[in-house]
Each structure stands twice: as C-alpha cells, then as structure tokens.
C-alpha cells in the first residue's frame, strides 16, 4: 500500500449530506482515505475486470471549506487554479 492511512482524517463541515436540510450547522466528519491503486487492486483481486475508470473535478456535496458551486450538485475547489480530482467512477464486471 503506497499511501497507508491508519487514522481518520477529521474535517469540519457546515452542511449536511442530505439534500433537504437547510440548516447550516457545523459538525465534524471523519473519513479514511483509500488510494486509487488500493481500490483498483481490491477489485482485480476479487475477480472483477475493470471496464472503465473516470475522475471528476467536482463533488456532489459541499464537503470541504472554500468550495465553489459550479452548477447544481457540482462543487469544486478553485484555490489552485487547476482541476483537482475529487470523485471517481469505476465500472467493473465479474469475470466468467
């Protein structure tokens, strides 16, 4: 494992992950990161064949400080003036 994370990363958040919550309360979110190679290797070792892999420069949630809403359900980080991959999608099929 190239980037082991054995402890949670905590982030202060000001919004909820639910779409119907209009309240702006602050809470702490704990997350554990997994490198892309760790995820892809786990899929391959489980007998799945990777069909496609796509990265996206947005999050559907305003989950970090200083994010800018680009469009509906697209929040980006503009601080660095270049796209930062925030989410990804993997399509895999069970080998026969």
N, C-alpha and C. Protein backbone atom coordinates (compact mmCIF):
# COMPACT_ATOMS: atom_id res chain seq x y z
N UNK A 1 0.85 -1.17 0.00
CA UNK A 1 0.00 0.00 0.00
C UNK A 1 0.89 1.24 0.00
N UNK A 2 0.72 2.05 -1.01
CA UNK A 2 1.58 3.22 -1.20
C UNK A 2 1.30 4.34 -0.20
N UNK A 3 0.03 4.60 0.09
CA UNK A 3 -0.34 5.71 0.96
C UNK A 3 -1.20 5.22 2.12
N UNK A 4 -0.62 4.53 3.08
CA UNK A 4 -1.45 3.99 4.16
C UNK A 4 -2.01 5.09 5.06
N UNK A 5 -3.27 4.97 5.39
CA UNK A 5 -3.92 5.89 6.33
C UNK A 5 -4.52 5.02 7.43
N UNK A 6 -3.90 5.05 8.59
CA UNK A 6 -4.34 4.21 9.69
C UNK A 6 -5.16 4.97 10.72
N UNK A 7 -5.40 6.23 10.48
CA UNK A 7 -6.16 7.05 11.40
C UNK A 7 -7.16 7.87 10.60
N UNK A 8 -8.26 8.24 11.19
CA UNK A 8 -9.25 9.03 10.44
C UNK A 8 -8.79 10.47 10.25
N UNK A 9 -9.18 11.03 9.13
CA UNK A 9 -8.97 12.45 8.87
C UNK A 9 -10.27 13.14 9.25
N UNK A 10 -10.20 14.14 10.11
CA UNK A 10 -11.42 14.84 10.51
C UNK A 10 -11.49 16.19 9.82
N UNK A 11 -12.67 16.52 9.37
CA UNK A 11 -12.91 17.77 8.65
C UNK A 11 -14.13 18.44 9.28
N UNK A 12 -14.05 19.74 9.51
CA UNK A 12 -15.21 20.49 10.00
C UNK A 12 -16.11 20.81 8.82
N UNK A 13 -17.36 20.44 8.92
CA UNK A 13 -18.32 20.66 7.83
C UNK A 13 -19.43 21.59 8.32
N UNK A 14 -19.96 22.37 7.39
CA UNK A 14 -21.03 23.30 7.74
C UNK A 14 -22.38 22.93 7.17
N UNK A 15 -22.45 21.88 6.39
CA UNK A 15 -23.72 21.48 5.81
C UNK A 15 -23.90 19.98 5.99
N UNK A 16 -25.10 19.53 5.74
CA UNK A 16 -25.42 18.11 5.86
C UNK A 16 -25.28 17.44 4.51
N UNK A 17 -25.10 16.12 4.51
CA UNK A 17 -25.07 15.37 3.26
C UNK A 17 -26.47 15.08 2.74
N UNK A 18 -27.49 15.52 3.45
CA UNK A 18 -28.86 15.31 2.97
C UNK A 18 -29.31 16.52 2.18
N UNK A 19 -30.07 16.28 1.14
CA UNK A 19 -30.50 17.35 0.25
C UNK A 19 -31.55 18.27 0.87
N UNK A 20 -32.32 17.77 1.83
CA UNK A 20 -33.45 18.53 2.37
C UNK A 20 -33.14 19.26 3.66
N UNK A 21 -31.88 19.36 4.03
CA UNK A 21 -31.51 20.02 5.27
C UNK A 21 -31.04 21.44 4.96
N UNK A 22 -31.85 22.44 5.34
CA UNK A 22 -31.50 23.83 5.07
C UNK A 22 -30.66 24.44 6.20
N UNK A 23 -30.50 23.73 7.30
CA UNK A 23 -29.76 24.27 8.44
C UNK A 23 -28.27 24.25 8.15
N UNK A 24 -27.59 25.30 8.57
CA UNK A 24 -26.15 25.42 8.38
C UNK A 24 -25.43 25.15 9.69
N UNK A 25 -25.48 23.93 10.17
CA UNK A 25 -24.81 23.61 11.43
C UNK A 25 -23.42 23.04 11.15
N UNK A 26 -22.52 23.22 12.11
CA UNK A 26 -21.16 22.71 11.97
C UNK A 26 -21.05 21.38 12.69
N UNK A 27 -20.39 20.44 12.05
CA UNK A 27 -20.14 19.15 12.67
C UNK A 27 -18.82 18.63 12.15
N UNK A 28 -18.26 17.62 12.80
CA UNK A 28 -17.02 17.02 12.36
C UNK A 28 -17.32 15.73 11.60
N UNK A 29 -16.66 15.56 10.47
CA UNK A 29 -16.81 14.35 9.69
C UNK A 29 -15.47 13.61 9.73
N UNK A 30 -15.50 12.32 9.98
CA UNK A 30 -14.29 11.50 9.96
C UNK A 30 -14.32 10.63 8.72
N UNK A 31 -13.20 10.56 8.05
CA UNK A 31 -13.11 9.76 6.83
C UNK A 31 -11.76 9.06 6.77
N UNK A 32 -11.72 7.96 6.11
CA UNK A 32 -10.48 7.24 5.89
C UNK A 32 -10.25 7.24 4.39
N UNK A 33 -9.08 7.66 3.98
CA UNK A 33 -8.77 7.69 2.57
C UNK A 33 -8.27 6.34 2.07
N UNK A 34 -8.60 6.05 0.85
CA UNK A 34 -8.09 4.86 0.17
C UNK A 34 -7.48 5.34 -1.13
N UNK A 35 -6.24 4.93 -1.40
CA UNK A 35 -5.63 5.32 -2.67
C UNK A 35 -6.39 4.64 -3.81
N UNK A 36 -6.32 5.25 -4.98
CA UNK A 36 -6.99 4.67 -6.14
C UNK A 36 -6.42 3.28 -6.43
N UNK A 37 -5.10 3.13 -6.27
CA UNK A 37 -4.49 1.83 -6.53
C UNK A 37 -5.00 0.77 -5.56
N UNK A 38 -5.27 1.15 -4.31
CA UNK A 38 -5.81 0.20 -3.33
C UNK A 38 -7.20 -0.28 -3.75
N UNK A 39 -8.03 0.64 -4.22
CA UNK A 39 -9.39 0.29 -4.65
C UNK A 39 -9.34 -0.60 -5.90
N UNK A 40 -8.57 -0.19 -6.91
CA UNK A 40 -8.50 -0.95 -8.15
C UNK A 40 -7.91 -2.34 -7.90
N UNK A 41 -6.86 -2.43 -7.11
CA UNK A 41 -6.25 -3.73 -6.80
C UNK A 41 -7.25 -4.64 -6.09
N UNK A 42 -8.03 -4.11 -5.17
CA UNK A 42 -9.03 -4.92 -4.47
C UNK A 42 -10.07 -5.46 -5.44
N UNK A 43 -10.48 -4.66 -6.41
CA UNK A 43 -11.44 -5.13 -7.40
C UNK A 43 -10.85 -6.25 -8.26
N UNK A 44 -9.62 -6.05 -8.73
CA UNK A 44 -8.96 -7.05 -9.56
C UNK A 44 -8.76 -8.35 -8.77
N UNK A 45 -8.30 -8.24 -7.52
CA UNK A 45 -8.08 -9.43 -6.70
C UNK A 45 -9.38 -10.15 -6.35
N UNK A 46 -10.51 -9.47 -6.49
CA UNK A 46 -11.82 -10.10 -6.25
C UNK A 46 -12.37 -10.74 -7.52
N UNK A 47 -11.59 -10.74 -8.59
CA UNK A 47 -12.01 -11.38 -9.82
C UNK A 47 -12.81 -10.49 -10.76
N UNK A 48 -12.78 -9.20 -10.53
CA UNK A 48 -13.50 -8.28 -11.41
C UNK A 48 -12.58 -7.73 -12.49
N UNK A 49 -13.14 -7.46 -13.65
CA UNK A 49 -12.40 -6.83 -14.74
C UNK A 49 -12.82 -5.37 -14.84
N UNK A 50 -11.86 -4.47 -14.81
CA UNK A 50 -12.13 -3.04 -14.91
C UNK A 50 -12.51 -2.72 -16.35
N UNK A 51 -13.69 -2.13 -16.53
CA UNK A 51 -14.18 -1.76 -17.86
C UNK A 51 -13.91 -0.28 -18.13
N UNK A 52 -14.09 0.56 -17.11
CA UNK A 52 -13.82 1.99 -17.29
C UNK A 52 -13.46 2.62 -15.95
N UNK A 53 -12.75 3.73 -16.03
CA UNK A 53 -12.36 4.50 -14.86
C UNK A 53 -12.38 5.96 -15.26
N UNK A 54 -13.11 6.78 -14.50
CA UNK A 54 -13.22 8.22 -14.79
C UNK A 54 -13.05 9.02 -13.51
N UNK A 55 -12.30 10.12 -13.61
CA UNK A 55 -12.16 11.05 -12.49
C UNK A 55 -12.97 12.30 -12.79
N UNK A 56 -13.47 12.93 -11.73
CA UNK A 56 -14.26 14.15 -11.89
C UNK A 56 -13.68 15.23 -10.99
N UNK A 57 -13.68 16.44 -11.49
CA UNK A 57 -13.10 17.57 -10.73
C UNK A 57 -14.12 18.23 -9.82
N UNK A 58 -15.17 17.51 -9.46
CA UNK A 58 -16.20 18.09 -8.59
C UNK A 58 -16.70 17.04 -7.61
N UNK A 59 -17.35 17.55 -6.57
CA UNK A 59 -18.04 16.71 -5.60
C UNK A 59 -19.52 17.06 -5.68
N UNK A 60 -20.41 16.09 -5.49
CA UNK A 60 -21.83 16.42 -5.48
C UNK A 60 -22.25 17.13 -4.18
N UNK A 61 -21.33 17.20 -3.22
CA UNK A 61 -21.62 17.84 -1.93
C UNK A 61 -20.59 18.92 -1.65
N UNK A 62 -20.99 19.93 -0.93
CA UNK A 62 -20.10 20.98 -0.47
C UNK A 62 -19.41 20.47 0.79
N UNK A 63 -18.42 19.63 0.61
CA UNK A 63 -17.86 18.87 1.74
C UNK A 63 -16.54 19.40 2.28
N UNK A 64 -15.96 20.40 1.67
CA UNK A 64 -14.72 20.98 2.17
C UNK A 64 -14.87 22.49 2.26
N UNK A 65 -14.04 23.11 3.07
CA UNK A 65 -14.08 24.56 3.18
C UNK A 65 -13.67 25.21 1.86
N UNK A 66 -14.23 26.37 1.59
CA UNK A 66 -13.87 27.18 0.43
C UNK A 66 -14.18 26.53 -0.91
N UNK A 67 -15.22 25.71 -0.98
CA UNK A 67 -15.65 25.15 -2.26
C UNK A 67 -16.58 26.15 -2.95
N UNK A 68 -16.58 26.12 -4.27
CA UNK A 68 -17.43 26.97 -5.08
C UNK A 68 -18.43 26.10 -5.82
N UNK A 69 -19.68 26.52 -5.83
CA UNK A 69 -20.68 25.76 -6.56
C UNK A 69 -20.63 26.17 -8.03
N UNK A 70 -20.25 25.23 -8.89
CA UNK A 70 -20.14 25.48 -10.33
C UNK A 70 -21.49 25.33 -11.02
N UNK A 71 -22.24 24.33 -10.63
CA UNK A 71 -23.59 24.10 -11.14
C UNK A 71 -24.32 23.23 -10.12
N UNK A 72 -25.55 22.85 -10.44
CA UNK A 72 -26.32 22.05 -9.49
C UNK A 72 -25.58 20.74 -9.19
N UNK A 73 -25.33 20.49 -7.91
CA UNK A 73 -24.65 19.29 -7.42
C UNK A 73 -23.21 19.15 -7.92
N UNK A 74 -22.56 20.29 -8.22
CA UNK A 74 -21.15 20.28 -8.60
C UNK A 74 -20.41 21.35 -7.82
N UNK A 75 -19.62 20.90 -6.83
CA UNK A 75 -18.82 21.80 -6.01
C UNK A 75 -17.35 21.55 -6.32
N UNK A 76 -16.61 22.61 -6.57
CA UNK A 76 -15.21 22.49 -6.97
C UNK A 76 -14.31 23.29 -6.02
N UNK A 77 -13.01 23.00 -6.09
CA UNK A 77 -12.01 23.77 -5.35
C UNK A 77 -11.25 24.60 -6.37
N UNK A 78 -11.41 25.91 -6.31
CA UNK A 78 -10.78 26.81 -7.28
C UNK A 78 -9.45 27.37 -6.79
N UNK A 79 -9.12 27.11 -5.57
CA UNK A 79 -7.95 27.72 -4.93
C UNK A 79 -6.66 27.57 -5.74
N UNK A 80 -6.48 26.43 -6.39
CA UNK A 80 -5.21 26.16 -7.07
C UNK A 80 -5.23 26.49 -8.56
N UNK A 81 -6.34 26.98 -9.06
CA UNK A 81 -6.49 27.39 -10.46
C UNK A 81 -6.27 26.28 -11.47
N UNK A 82 -6.47 25.03 -11.06
CA UNK A 82 -6.48 23.90 -11.99
C UNK A 82 -7.38 22.82 -11.40
N UNK A 83 -7.93 21.97 -12.25
CA UNK A 83 -8.87 20.94 -11.76
C UNK A 83 -8.20 19.95 -10.82
N UNK A 84 -8.87 19.66 -9.72
CA UNK A 84 -8.41 18.68 -8.75
C UNK A 84 -9.41 17.53 -8.75
N UNK A 85 -8.96 16.28 -8.98
CA UNK A 85 -9.92 15.18 -8.94
C UNK A 85 -10.48 14.99 -7.53
N UNK A 86 -11.80 15.07 -7.41
CA UNK A 86 -12.44 14.94 -6.10
C UNK A 86 -13.25 13.64 -5.99
N UNK A 87 -13.75 13.14 -7.10
CA UNK A 87 -14.50 11.89 -7.09
C UNK A 87 -14.11 11.08 -8.32
N UNK A 88 -14.46 9.81 -8.29
CA UNK A 88 -14.20 8.97 -9.45
C UNK A 88 -15.27 7.90 -9.56
N UNK A 89 -15.35 7.32 -10.75
CA UNK A 89 -16.29 6.24 -11.00
C UNK A 89 -15.53 5.09 -11.66
N UNK A 90 -15.78 3.89 -11.16
CA UNK A 90 -15.17 2.69 -11.73
C UNK A 90 -16.29 1.76 -12.13
N UNK A 91 -16.20 1.24 -13.34
CA UNK A 91 -17.14 0.22 -13.79
C UNK A 91 -16.34 -1.07 -13.92
N UNK A 92 -16.80 -2.12 -13.24
CA UNK A 92 -16.12 -3.42 -13.28
C UNK A 92 -17.15 -4.51 -13.46
N UNK A 93 -16.74 -5.56 -14.14
CA UNK A 93 -17.61 -6.70 -14.39
C UNK A 93 -17.00 -7.96 -13.81
N UNK A 94 -17.85 -8.83 -13.31
CA UNK A 94 -17.41 -10.13 -12.80
C UNK A 94 -16.97 -10.98 -13.98
N UNK A 95 -15.75 -11.51 -13.91
CA UNK A 95 -15.25 -12.37 -14.97
C UNK A 95 -15.99 -13.69 -14.96
N UNK A 96 -16.27 -14.22 -16.18
CA UNK A 96 -17.00 -15.51 -16.21
C UNK A 96 -16.07 -16.69 -16.25
